[in-house]
């Protein structure tokens, strides 16, 4: 019987410094990807799941957050949608990073079915 309990070590969290984990409720993890090489956003909302070909790290991405300008942050459920070179469709815009994080974290259960 496969281990369906999500609390086993993951290579994804092993490569992120502990300070990059913003929130973790045991099912969902909000992580900062600032200064992570190749990251397309400032952070992600992840849900733990079984390891599989579609989730090789044991996580599925539910959303992202990123900074557009000094006073403009985006929180986006689902994957990032690139609409033009370097532009991402702003699903929800917020004046501070904290507002974007709170919105993304509070909507985590809407996407977890």
PDB file of N, CA and C in Angstrom:
ATOM      1  N   UNK A   1       0.850  -1.182   0.000  1.00  0.00           N
ATOM      2  CA  UNK A   1       0.000   0.000   0.000  1.00  0.00           C
ATOM      3  C   UNK A   1       0.893   1.242   0.000  1.00  0.00           C
ATOM      4  N   UNK A   2       0.714   2.176  -0.934  1.00  0.00           N
ATOM      5  CA  UNK A   2       1.563   3.373  -0.989  1.00  0.00           C
ATOM      6  C   UNK A   2       1.332   4.273   0.220  1.00  0.00           C
ATOM      7  N   UNK A   3       2.370   4.963   0.593  1.00  0.00           N
ATOM      8  CA  UNK A   3       2.293   5.896   1.722  1.00  0.00           C
ATOM      9  C   UNK A   3       1.573   7.153   1.267  1.00  0.00           C
ATOM     10  N   UNK A   4       0.346   7.347   1.740  1.00  0.00           N
ATOM     11  CA  UNK A   4      -0.411   8.528   1.336  1.00  0.00           C
ATOM     12  C   UNK A   4      -0.287   9.649   2.353  1.00  0.00           C
ATOM     13  N   UNK A   5       0.429   9.413   3.434  1.00  0.00           N
ATOM     14  CA  UNK A   5       0.621  10.458   4.437  1.00  0.00           C
ATOM     15  C   UNK A   5       1.629  11.468   3.903  1.00  0.00           C
ATOM     16  N   UNK A   6       1.265  12.743   3.873  1.00  0.00           N
ATOM     17  CA  UNK A   6       2.105  13.744   3.211  1.00  0.00           C
ATOM     18  C   UNK A   6       3.300  14.236   4.020  1.00  0.00           C
ATOM     19  N   UNK A   7       3.517  13.744   5.235  1.00  0.00           N
ATOM     20  CA  UNK A   7       4.554  14.306   6.090  1.00  0.00           C
ATOM     21  C   UNK A   7       5.889  13.592   5.985  1.00  0.00           C
ATOM     22  N   UNK A   8       6.310  13.244   4.827  1.00  0.00           N
ATOM     23  CA  UNK A   8       7.641  12.679   4.671  1.00  0.00           C
ATOM     24  C   UNK A   8       8.531  13.723   4.022  1.00  0.00           C
ATOM     25  N   UNK A   9       9.817  13.605   4.191  1.00  0.00           N
ATOM     26  CA  UNK A   9      10.717  14.625   3.650  1.00  0.00           C
ATOM     27  C   UNK A   9      10.554  14.784   2.139  1.00  0.00           C
ATOM     28  N   UNK A  10      10.651  16.002   1.692  1.00  0.00           N
ATOM     29  CA  UNK A  10      10.537  16.294   0.270  1.00  0.00           C
ATOM     30  C   UNK A  10      11.789  16.993  -0.204  1.00  0.00           C
ATOM     31  N   UNK A  11      12.302  16.618  -1.373  1.00  0.00           N
ATOM     32  CA  UNK A  11      13.476  17.315  -1.895  1.00  0.00           C
ATOM     33  C   UNK A  11      13.201  18.793  -2.157  1.00  0.00           C
ATOM     34  N   UNK A  12      11.945  19.152  -2.421  1.00  0.00           N
ATOM     35  CA  UNK A  12      11.612  20.548  -2.678  1.00  0.00           C
ATOM     36  C   UNK A  12      11.896  21.408  -1.453  1.00  0.00           C
ATOM     37  N   UNK A  13      11.372  21.006  -0.294  1.00  0.00           N
ATOM     38  CA  UNK A  13      11.607  21.795   0.912  1.00  0.00           C
ATOM     39  C   UNK A  13      13.043  21.662   1.394  1.00  0.00           C
ATOM     40  N   UNK A  14      13.715  20.578   1.032  1.00  0.00           N
ATOM     41  CA  UNK A  14      15.109  20.402   1.431  1.00  0.00           C
ATOM     42  C   UNK A  14      16.019  21.413   0.741  1.00  0.00           C
ATOM     43  N   UNK A  15      15.665  21.858  -0.460  1.00  0.00           N
ATOM     44  CA  UNK A  15      16.516  22.816  -1.162  1.00  0.00           C
ATOM     45  C   UNK A  15      16.214  24.261  -0.790  1.00  0.00           C
ATOM     46  N   UNK A  16      15.053  24.497  -0.145  1.00  0.00           N
ATOM     47  CA  UNK A  16      14.706  25.846   0.287  1.00  0.00           C
ATOM     48  C   UNK A  16      15.168  26.067   1.724  1.00  0.00           C
ATOM     49  N   UNK A  17      15.801  27.189   2.000  1.00  0.00           N
ATOM     50  CA  UNK A  17      16.146  27.486   3.395  1.00  0.00           C
ATOM     51  C   UNK A  17      14.885  27.583   4.245  1.00  0.00           C
ATOM     52  N   UNK A  18      14.986  27.210   5.494  1.00  0.00           N
ATOM     53  CA  UNK A  18      13.835  27.211   6.417  1.00  0.00           C
ATOM     54  C   UNK A  18      13.129  28.567   6.432  1.00  0.00           C
ATOM     55  N   UNK A  19      13.882  29.659   6.334  1.00  0.00           N
ATOM     56  CA  UNK A  19      13.267  30.987   6.380  1.00  0.00           C
ATOM     57  C   UNK A  19      12.404  31.263   5.146  1.00  0.00           C
ATOM     58  N   UNK A  20      12.475  30.431   4.109  1.00  0.00           N
ATOM     59  CA  UNK A  20      11.633  30.604   2.933  1.00  0.00           C
ATOM     60  C   UNK A  20      10.230  30.032   3.129  1.00  0.00           C
ATOM     61  N   UNK A  21      10.028  29.258   4.178  1.00  0.00           N
ATOM     62  CA  UNK A  21       8.704  28.712   4.458  1.00  0.00           C
ATOM     63  C   UNK A  21       7.943  29.743   5.280  1.00  0.00           C
ATOM     64  N   UNK A  22       6.918  30.322   4.667  1.00  0.00           N
ATOM     65  CA  UNK A  22       6.155  31.400   5.289  1.00  0.00           C
ATOM     66  C   UNK A  22       5.067  30.835   6.187  1.00  0.00           C
ATOM     67  N   UNK A  23       4.312  29.863   5.691  1.00  0.00           N
ATOM     68  CA  UNK A  23       3.235  29.214   6.438  1.00  0.00           C
ATOM     69  C   UNK A  23       3.226  27.743   6.068  1.00  0.00           C
ATOM     70  N   UNK A  24       2.870  26.898   7.030  1.00  0.00           N
ATOM     71  CA  UNK A  24       2.773  25.464   6.787  1.00  0.00           C
ATOM     72  C   UNK A  24       1.741  24.907   7.756  1.00  0.00           C
ATOM     73  N   UNK A  25       0.610  24.434   7.222  1.00  0.00           N
ATOM     74  CA  UNK A  25      -0.427  23.876   8.096  1.00  0.00           C
ATOM     75  C   UNK A  25      -0.463  22.355   8.060  1.00  0.00           C
ATOM     76  N   UNK A  26       0.563  21.748   7.481  1.00  0.00           N
ATOM     77  CA  UNK A  26       0.619  20.296   7.383  1.00  0.00           C
ATOM     78  C   UNK A  26       0.074  19.758   6.076  1.00  0.00           C
ATOM     79  N   UNK A  27      -0.778  20.516   5.419  1.00  0.00           N
ATOM     80  CA  UNK A  27      -1.324  20.138   4.112  1.00  0.00           C
ATOM     81  C   UNK A  27      -0.836  21.123   3.059  1.00  0.00           C
ATOM     82  N   UNK A  28      -0.914  22.411   3.387  1.00  0.00           N
ATOM     83  CA  UNK A  28      -0.511  23.487   2.474  1.00  0.00           C
ATOM     84  C   UNK A  28       0.762  24.147   2.981  1.00  0.00           C
ATOM     85  N   UNK A  29       1.544  24.626   2.030  1.00  0.00           N
ATOM     86  CA  UNK A  29       2.781  25.325   2.363  1.00  0.00           C
ATOM     87  C   UNK A  29       2.857  26.576   1.499  1.00  0.00           C
ATOM     88  N   UNK A  30       3.092  27.707   2.132  1.00  0.00           N
ATOM     89  CA  UNK A  30       3.312  28.968   1.429  1.00  0.00           C
ATOM     90  C   UNK A  30       4.805  29.246   1.517  1.00  0.00           C
ATOM     91  N   UNK A  31       5.475  29.290   0.370  1.00  0.00           N
ATOM     92  CA  UNK A  31       6.925  29.451   0.359  1.00  0.00           C
ATOM     93  C   UNK A  31       7.335  30.675  -0.446  1.00  0.00           C
ATOM     94  N   UNK A  32       8.421  31.286  -0.017  1.00  0.00           N
ATOM     95  CA  UNK A  32       9.033  32.379  -0.763  1.00  0.00           C
ATOM     96  C   UNK A  32      10.066  31.788  -1.706  1.00  0.00           C
ATOM     97  N   UNK A  33      10.036  32.238  -2.946  1.00  0.00           N
ATOM     98  CA  UNK A  33      11.043  31.794  -3.911  1.00  0.00           C
ATOM     99  C   UNK A  33      11.946  32.952  -4.327  1.00  0.00           C
ATOM    100  N   UNK A  34      11.927  34.007  -3.523  1.00  0.00           N
ATOM    101  CA  UNK A  34      12.810  35.134  -3.801  1.00  0.00           C
ATOM    102  C   UNK A  34      14.245  34.637  -3.758  1.00  0.00           C
ATOM    103  N   UNK A  35      15.022  35.062  -4.699  1.00  0.00           N
ATOM    104  CA  UNK A  35      16.438  34.699  -4.814  1.00  0.00           C
ATOM    105  C   UNK A  35      16.653  33.220  -5.125  1.00  0.00           C
ATOM    106  N   UNK A  36      15.611  32.517  -5.577  1.00  0.00           N
ATOM    107  CA  UNK A  36      15.762  31.142  -6.035  1.00  0.00           C
ATOM    108  C   UNK A  36      15.965  31.197  -7.543  1.00  0.00           C
ATOM    109  N   UNK A  37      17.085  30.672  -7.990  1.00  0.00           N
ATOM    110  CA  UNK A  37      17.426  30.735  -9.407  1.00  0.00           C
ATOM    111  C   UNK A  37      16.336  30.073 -10.259  1.00  0.00           C
ATOM    112  N   UNK A  38      15.890  30.770 -11.288  1.00  0.00           N
ATOM    113  CA  UNK A  38      14.893  30.256 -12.205  1.00  0.00           C
ATOM    114  C   UNK A  38      13.446  30.455 -11.772  1.00  0.00           C
ATOM    115  N   UNK A  39      13.217  31.018 -10.599  1.00  0.00           N
ATOM    116  CA  UNK A  39      11.844  31.227 -10.123  1.00  0.00           C
ATOM    117  C   UNK A  39      11.145  32.273 -10.981  1.00  0.00           C
ATOM    118  N   UNK A  40       9.876  32.014 -11.306  1.00  0.00           N
ATOM    119  CA  UNK A  40       9.086  32.949 -12.109  1.00  0.00           C
ATOM    120  C   UNK A  40       8.179  33.812 -11.250  1.00  0.00           C
ATOM    121  N   UNK A  41       8.218  33.603  -9.939  1.00  0.00           N
ATOM    122  CA  UNK A  41       7.391  34.381  -9.028  1.00  0.00           C
ATOM    123  C   UNK A  41       8.169  34.601  -7.741  1.00  0.00           C
ATOM    124  N   UNK A  42       7.602  35.383  -6.841  1.00  0.00           N
ATOM    125  CA  UNK A  42       8.247  35.613  -5.546  1.00  0.00           C
ATOM    126  C   UNK A  42       7.888  34.526  -4.545  1.00  0.00           C
ATOM    127  N   UNK A  43       6.864  33.737  -4.845  1.00  0.00           N
ATOM    128  CA  UNK A  43       6.490  32.643  -3.958  1.00  0.00           C
ATOM    129  C   UNK A  43       5.344  31.829  -4.507  1.00  0.00           C
ATOM    130  N   UNK A  44       5.094  30.694  -3.841  1.00  0.00           N
ATOM    131  CA  UNK A  44       4.080  29.759  -4.307  1.00  0.00           C
ATOM    132  C   UNK A  44       3.262  29.227  -3.134  1.00  0.00           C
ATOM    133  N   UNK A  45       2.023  28.899  -3.428  1.00  0.00           N
ATOM    134  CA  UNK A  45       1.166  28.172  -2.509  1.00  0.00           C
ATOM    135  C   UNK A  45       1.131  26.731  -3.007  1.00  0.00           C
ATOM    136  N   UNK A  46       1.595  25.802  -2.162  1.00  0.00           N
ATOM    137  CA  UNK A  46       1.691  24.398  -2.536  1.00  0.00           C
ATOM    138  C   UNK A  46       0.771  23.559  -1.666  1.00  0.00           C
ATOM    139  N   UNK A  47       0.318  22.428  -2.211  1.00  0.00           N
ATOM    140  CA  UNK A  47      -0.428  21.436  -1.437  1.00  0.00           C
ATOM    141  C   UNK A  47       0.317  20.116  -1.534  1.00  0.00           C
ATOM    142  N   UNK A  48       0.536  19.495  -0.383  1.00  0.00           N
ATOM    143  CA  UNK A  48       1.204  18.199  -0.371  1.00  0.00           C
ATOM    144  C   UNK A  48       0.301  17.159  -1.026  1.00  0.00           C
ATOM    145  N   UNK A  49       0.938  16.211  -1.716  1.00  0.00           N
ATOM    146  CA  UNK A  49       0.210  15.123  -2.354  1.00  0.00           C
ATOM    147  C   UNK A  49       1.155  13.932  -2.459  1.00  0.00           C
ATOM    148  N   UNK A  50       0.647  12.831  -2.974  1.00  0.00           N
ATOM    149  CA  UNK A  50       1.507  11.682  -3.204  1.00  0.00           C
ATOM    150  C   UNK A  50       2.511  11.996  -4.310  1.00  0.00           C
ATOM    151  N   UNK A  51       3.669  11.402  -4.211  1.00  0.00           N
ATOM    152  CA  UNK A  51       4.664  11.528  -5.268  1.00  0.00           C
ATOM    153  C   UNK A  51       4.145  10.812  -6.504  1.00  0.00           C
ATOM    154  N   UNK A  52       4.313  11.446  -7.660  1.00  0.00           N
ATOM    155  CA  UNK A  52       3.867  10.857  -8.920  1.00  0.00           C
ATOM    156  C   UNK A  52       4.640  11.510 -10.053  1.00  0.00           C
ATOM    157  N   UNK A  53       4.381  11.068 -11.268  1.00  0.00           N
ATOM    158  CA  UNK A  53       5.032  11.693 -12.416  1.00  0.00           C
ATOM    159  C   UNK A  53       4.621  13.148 -12.558  1.00  0.00           C
ATOM    160  N   UNK A  54       3.364  13.456 -12.237  1.00  0.00           N
ATOM    161  CA  UNK A  54       2.907  14.842 -12.348  1.00  0.00           C
ATOM    162  C   UNK A  54       3.268  15.669 -11.113  1.00  0.00           C
ATOM    163  N   UNK A  55       3.658  15.019 -10.029  1.00  0.00           N
ATOM    164  CA  UNK A  55       4.069  15.718  -8.802  1.00  0.00           C
ATOM    165  C   UNK A  55       5.328  15.044  -8.247  1.00  0.00           C
ATOM    166  N   UNK A  56       6.452  15.164  -8.977  1.00  0.00           N
ATOM    167  CA  UNK A  56       7.662  14.429  -8.580  1.00  0.00           C
ATOM    168  C   UNK A  56       8.249  14.864  -7.239  1.00  0.00           C
ATOM    169  N   UNK A  57       7.888  16.039  -6.740  1.00  0.00           N
ATOM    170  CA  UNK A  57       8.382  16.498  -5.444  1.00  0.00           C
ATOM    171  C   UNK A  57       7.369  16.273  -4.328  1.00  0.00           C
ATOM    172  N   UNK A  58       6.189  15.743  -4.657  1.00  0.00           N
ATOM    173  CA  UNK A  58       5.164  15.515  -3.652  1.00  0.00           C
ATOM    174  C   UNK A  58       4.346  16.748  -3.336  1.00  0.00           C
ATOM    175  N   UNK A  59       4.285  17.683  -4.273  1.00  0.00           N
ATOM    176  CA  UNK A  59       3.512  18.914  -4.110  1.00  0.00           C
ATOM    177  C   UNK A  59       2.841  19.270  -5.426  1.00  0.00           C
ATOM    178  N   UNK A  60       1.665  19.908  -5.327  1.00  0.00           N
ATOM    179  CA  UNK A  60       1.051  20.544  -6.487  1.00  0.00           C
ATOM    180  C   UNK A  60       0.976  22.032  -6.179  1.00  0.00           C
ATOM    181  N   UNK A  61       1.179  22.829  -7.181  1.00  0.00           N
ATOM    182  CA  UNK A  61       1.152  24.280  -7.016  1.00  0.00           C
ATOM    183  C   UNK A  61      -0.278  24.768  -7.201  1.00  0.00           C
ATOM    184  N   UNK A  62      -0.780  25.477  -6.184  1.00  0.00           N
ATOM    185  CA  UNK A  62      -2.134  26.019  -6.246  1.00  0.00           C
ATOM    186  C   UNK A  62      -2.166  27.483  -6.657  1.00  0.00           C
ATOM    187  N   UNK A  63      -1.059  28.191  -6.466  1.00  0.00           N
ATOM    188  CA  UNK A  63      -1.036  29.611  -6.798  1.00  0.00           C
ATOM    189  C   UNK A  63       0.329  30.225  -6.592  1.00  0.00           C
ATOM    190  N   UNK A  64       0.421  31.489  -6.957  1.00  0.00           N
ATOM    191  CA  UNK A  64       1.680  32.234  -6.913  1.00  0.00           C
ATOM    192  C   UNK A  64       1.431  33.634  -6.364  1.00  0.00           C
ATOM    193  N   UNK A  65       2.496  34.253  -5.912  1.00  0.00           N
ATOM    194  CA  UNK A  65       2.443  35.686  -5.646  1.00  0.00           C
ATOM    195  C   UNK A  65       3.730  36.298  -6.187  1.00  0.00           C
ATOM    196  N   UNK A  66       3.620  37.571  -6.590  1.00  0.00           N
ATOM    197  CA  UNK A  66       4.800  38.262  -7.126  1.00  0.00           C
ATOM    198  C   UNK A  66       4.607  39.764  -7.040  1.00  0.00           C
ATOM    199  N   UNK A  67       5.711  40.473  -7.074  1.00  0.00           N
ATOM    200  CA  UNK A  67       5.682  41.931  -7.014  1.00  0.00           C
ATOM    201  C   UNK A  67       5.749  42.491  -8.425  1.00  0.00           C
ATOM    202  N   UNK A  68       4.831  43.414  -8.728  1.00  0.00           N
ATOM    203  CA  UNK A  68       4.842  44.098 -10.016  1.00  0.00           C
ATOM    204  C   UNK A  68       5.621  45.405  -9.939  1.00  0.00           C
ATOM    205  N   UNK A  69       5.401  46.147  -8.877  1.00  0.00           N
ATOM    206  CA  UNK A  69       6.093  47.416  -8.684  1.00  0.00           C
ATOM    207  C   UNK A  69       6.179  47.665  -7.183  1.00  0.00           C
ATOM    208  N   UNK A  70       6.701  48.800  -6.794  1.00  0.00           N
ATOM    209  CA  UNK A  70       6.906  49.081  -5.374  1.00  0.00           C
ATOM    210  C   UNK A  70       5.636  48.912  -4.543  1.00  0.00           C
ATOM    211  N   UNK A  71       4.503  49.343  -5.063  1.00  0.00           N
ATOM    212  CA  UNK A  71       3.247  49.277  -4.313  1.00  0.00           C
ATOM    213  C   UNK A  71       2.192  48.411  -4.996  1.00  0.00           C
ATOM    214  N   UNK A  72       2.620  47.356  -5.660  1.00  0.00           N
ATOM    215  CA  UNK A  72       1.677  46.521  -6.386  1.00  0.00           C
ATOM    216  C   UNK A  72       2.128  45.060  -6.360  1.00  0.00           C
ATOM    217  N   UNK A  73       1.341  44.238  -5.675  1.00  0.00           N
ATOM    218  CA  UNK A  73       1.610  42.807  -5.571  1.00  0.00           C
ATOM    219  C   UNK A  73       0.457  42.035  -6.188  1.00  0.00           C
ATOM    220  N   UNK A  74       0.764  40.913  -6.805  1.00  0.00           N
ATOM    221  CA  UNK A  74      -0.237  40.048  -7.409  1.00  0.00           C
ATOM    222  C   UNK A  74      -0.328  38.755  -6.616  1.00  0.00           C
ATOM    223  N   UNK A  75      -1.535  38.277  -6.385  1.00  0.00           N
ATOM    224  CA  UNK A  75      -1.784  36.931  -5.875  1.00  0.00           C
ATOM    225  C   UNK A  75      -2.649  36.240  -6.915  1.00  0.00           C
ATOM    226  N   UNK A  76      -2.209  35.095  -7.379  1.00  0.00           N
ATOM    227  CA  UNK A  76      -2.896  34.418  -8.469  1.00  0.00           C
ATOM    228  C   UNK A  76      -3.121  32.958  -8.108  1.00  0.00           C
ATOM    229  N   UNK A  77      -4.362  32.523  -8.138  1.00  0.00           N
ATOM    230  CA  UNK A  77      -4.656  31.108  -7.955  1.00  0.00           C
ATOM    231  C   UNK A  77      -4.478  30.418  -9.291  1.00  0.00           C
ATOM    232  N   UNK A  78      -3.967  29.229  -9.280  1.00  0.00           N
ATOM    233  CA  UNK A  78      -3.686  28.518 -10.507  1.00  0.00           C
ATOM    234  C   UNK A  78      -2.292  28.875 -10.999  1.00  0.00           C
ATOM    235  N   UNK A  79      -1.997  28.504 -12.218  1.00  0.00           N
ATOM    236  CA  UNK A  79      -0.664  28.752 -12.741  1.00  0.00           C
ATOM    237  C   UNK A  79      -0.538  30.176 -13.262  1.00  0.00           C
ATOM    238  N   UNK A  80       0.701  30.633 -13.350  1.00  0.00           N
ATOM    239  CA  UNK A  80       0.949  31.964 -13.907  1.00  0.00           C
ATOM    240  C   UNK A  80       0.547  31.973 -15.371  1.00  0.00           C
ATOM    241  N   UNK A  81      -0.108  33.020 -15.778  1.00  0.00           N
ATOM    242  CA  UNK A  81      -0.532  33.150 -17.166  1.00  0.00           C
ATOM    243  C   UNK A  81       0.256  34.293 -17.790  1.00  0.00           C
ATOM    244  N   UNK A  82       1.112  33.970 -18.724  1.00  0.00           N
ATOM    245  CA  UNK A  82       1.902  34.989 -19.404  1.00  0.00           C
ATOM    246  C   UNK A  82       1.108  35.461 -20.614  1.00  0.00           C
ATOM    247  N   UNK A  83       0.790  36.771 -20.645  1.00  0.00           N
ATOM    248  CA  UNK A  83      -0.016  37.304 -21.736  1.00  0.00           C
ATOM    249  C   UNK A  83       0.833  38.039 -22.773  1.00  0.00           C
ATOM    250  N   UNK A  84       2.005  38.429 -22.430  1.00  0.00           N
ATOM    251  CA  UNK A  84       2.926  39.075 -23.360  1.00  0.00           C
ATOM    252  C   UNK A  84       4.324  38.920 -22.780  1.00  0.00           C
ATOM    253  N   UNK A  85       5.315  39.207 -23.560  1.00  0.00           N
ATOM    254  CA  UNK A  85       6.695  39.064 -23.106  1.00  0.00           C
ATOM    255  C   UNK A  85       6.906  39.782 -21.775  1.00  0.00           C
ATOM    256  N   UNK A  86       7.142  39.009 -20.714  1.00  0.00           N
ATOM    257  CA  UNK A  86       7.427  39.589 -19.406  1.00  0.00           C
ATOM    258  C   UNK A  86       6.217  40.070 -18.636  1.00  0.00           C
ATOM    259  N   UNK A  87       5.014  39.918 -19.182  1.00  0.00           N
ATOM    260  CA  UNK A  87       3.811  40.388 -18.490  1.00  0.00           C
ATOM    261  C   UNK A  87       2.983  39.201 -18.033  1.00  0.00           C
ATOM    262  N   UNK A  88       2.472  39.296 -16.828  1.00  0.00           N
ATOM    263  CA  UNK A  88       1.629  38.249 -16.275  1.00  0.00           C
ATOM    264  C   UNK A  88       0.250  38.836 -16.016  1.00  0.00           C
ATOM    265  N   UNK A  89      -0.787  38.094 -16.355  1.00  0.00           N
ATOM    266  CA  UNK A  89      -2.151  38.563 -16.124  1.00  0.00           C
ATOM    267  C   UNK A  89      -2.366  38.790 -14.630  1.00  0.00           C
ATOM    268  N   UNK A  90      -2.707  39.995 -14.226  1.00  0.00           N
ATOM    269  CA  UNK A  90      -2.935  40.263 -12.806  1.00  0.00           C
ATOM    270  C   UNK A  90      -4.320  39.791 -12.364  1.00  0.00           C
ATOM    271  N   UNK A  91      -4.388  38.642 -11.685  1.00  0.00           N
ATOM    272  CA  UNK A  91      -5.677  38.136 -11.227  1.00  0.00           C
ATOM    273  C   UNK A  91      -6.202  38.962 -10.064  1.00  0.00           C
ATOM    274  N   UNK A  92      -5.355  39.222  -9.083  1.00  0.00           N
ATOM    275  CA  UNK A  92      -5.729  40.069  -7.951  1.00  0.00           C
ATOM    276  C   UNK A  92      -4.519  40.897  -7.577  1.00  0.00           C
ATOM    277  N   UNK A  93      -4.712  42.194  -7.459  1.00  0.00           N
ATOM    278  CA  UNK A  93      -3.613  43.094  -7.126  1.00  0.00           C
ATOM    279  C   UNK A  93      -3.802  43.657  -5.726  1.00  0.00           C
ATOM    280  N   UNK A  94      -2.687  43.839  -5.009  1.00  0.00           N
ATOM    281  CA  UNK A  94      -2.707  44.301  -3.623  1.00  0.00           C
ATOM    282  C   UNK A  94      -1.620  45.344  -3.420  1.00  0.00           C
ATOM    283  N   UNK A  95      -1.825  46.247  -2.458  1.00  0.00           N
ATOM    284  CA  UNK A  95      -0.840  47.303  -2.219  1.00  0.00           C
ATOM    285  C   UNK A  95       0.400  46.834  -1.460  1.00  0.00           C
ATOM    286  N   UNK A  96       0.309  45.691  -0.748  1.00  0.00           N
ATOM    287  CA  UNK A  96       1.466  45.208   0.005  1.00  0.00           C
ATOM    288  C   UNK A  96       1.641  43.708  -0.197  1.00  0.00           C
ATOM    289  N   UNK A  97       2.843  43.242   0.070  1.00  0.00           N
ATOM    290  CA  UNK A  97       3.129  41.819  -0.005  1.00  0.00           C
ATOM    291  C   UNK A  97       2.280  41.054   1.013  1.00  0.00           C
ATOM    292  N   UNK A  98       2.143  41.607   2.205  1.00  0.00           N
ATOM    293  CA  UNK A  98       1.350  40.942   3.242  1.00  0.00           C
ATOM    294  C   UNK A  98      -0.090  40.737   2.799  1.00  0.00           C
ATOM    295  N   UNK A  99      -0.692  41.736   2.160  1.00  0.00           N
ATOM    296  CA  UNK A  99      -2.067  41.597   1.659  1.00  0.00           C
ATOM    297  C   UNK A  99      -2.162  40.456   0.646  1.00  0.00           C
ATOM    298  N   UNK A 100      -1.196  40.371  -0.252  1.00  0.00           N
ATOM    299  CA  UNK A 100      -1.196  39.309  -1.259  1.00  0.00           C
ATOM    300  C   UNK A 100      -1.025  37.940  -0.601  1.00  0.00           C
ATOM    301  N   UNK A 101      -0.125  37.849   0.385  1.00  0.00           N
ATOM    302  CA  UNK A 101       0.101  36.580   1.080  1.00  0.00           C
ATOM    303  C   UNK A 101      -1.138  36.125   1.841  1.00  0.00           C
ATOM    304  N   UNK A 102      -1.760  37.043   2.553  1.00  0.00           N
ATOM    305  CA  UNK A 102      -2.965  36.708   3.333  1.00  0.00           C
ATOM    306  C   UNK A 102      -4.074  36.229   2.402  1.00  0.00           C
ATOM    307  N   UNK A 103      -4.262  36.899   1.287  1.00  0.00           N
ATOM    308  CA  UNK A 103      -5.291  36.505   0.333  1.00  0.00           C
ATOM    309  C   UNK A 103      -5.019  35.104  -0.225  1.00  0.00           C
ATOM    310  N   UNK A 104      -3.800  34.860  -0.630  1.00  0.00           N
ATOM    311  CA  UNK A 104      -3.445  33.562  -1.200  1.00  0.00           C
ATOM    312  C   UNK A 104      -3.598  32.460  -0.155  1.00  0.00           C
ATOM    313  N   UNK A 105      -3.102  32.692   1.048  1.00  0.00           N
ATOM    314  CA  UNK A 105      -3.176  31.686   2.108  1.00  0.00           C
ATOM    315  C   UNK A 105      -4.629  31.406   2.498  1.00  0.00           C
ATOM    316  N   UNK A 106      -5.448  32.444   2.594  1.00  0.00           N
ATOM    317  CA  UNK A 106      -6.836  32.239   3.011  1.00  0.00           C
ATOM    318  C   UNK A 106      -7.669  31.529   1.946  1.00  0.00           C
ATOM    319  N   UNK A 107      -7.256  31.573   0.693  1.00  0.00           N
ATOM    320  CA  UNK A 107      -8.019  30.910  -0.362  1.00  0.00           C
ATOM    321  C   UNK A 107      -7.534  29.493  -0.635  1.00  0.00           C
ATOM    322  N   UNK A 108      -6.609  28.983   0.160  1.00  0.00           N
ATOM    323  CA  UNK A 108      -6.010  27.666  -0.103  1.00  0.00           C
ATOM    324  C   UNK A 108      -7.039  26.536  -0.091  1.00  0.00           C
ATOM    325  N   UNK A 109      -8.013  26.587   0.771  1.00  0.00           N
ATOM    326  CA  UNK A 109      -8.963  25.480   0.885  1.00  0.00           C
ATOM    327  C   UNK A 109      -9.983  25.462  -0.249  1.00  0.00           C
ATOM    328  N   UNK A 110     -10.156  26.588  -0.936  1.00  0.00           N
ATOM    329  CA  UNK A 110     -11.069  26.629  -2.082  1.00  0.00           C
ATOM    330  C   UNK A 110     -10.571  25.717  -3.200  1.00  0.00           C
ATOM    331  N   UNK A 111      -9.249  25.551  -3.279  1.00  0.00           N
ATOM    332  CA  UNK A 111      -8.658  24.773  -4.366  1.00  0.00           C
ATOM    333  C   UNK A 111      -8.317  23.358  -3.960  1.00  0.00           C
ATOM    334  N   UNK A 112      -8.474  23.008  -2.689  1.00  0.00           N
ATOM    335  CA  UNK A 112      -8.088  21.682  -2.217  1.00  0.00           C
ATOM    336  C   UNK A 112      -9.313  20.780  -2.127  1.00  0.00           C
ATOM    337  N   UNK A 113      -9.503  20.007  -3.159  1.00  0.00           N
ATOM    338  CA  UNK A 113     -10.623  19.074  -3.161  1.00  0.00           C
ATOM    339  C   UNK A 113     -10.127  17.657  -3.196  1.00  0.00           C
TER     340      UNK A 113
END
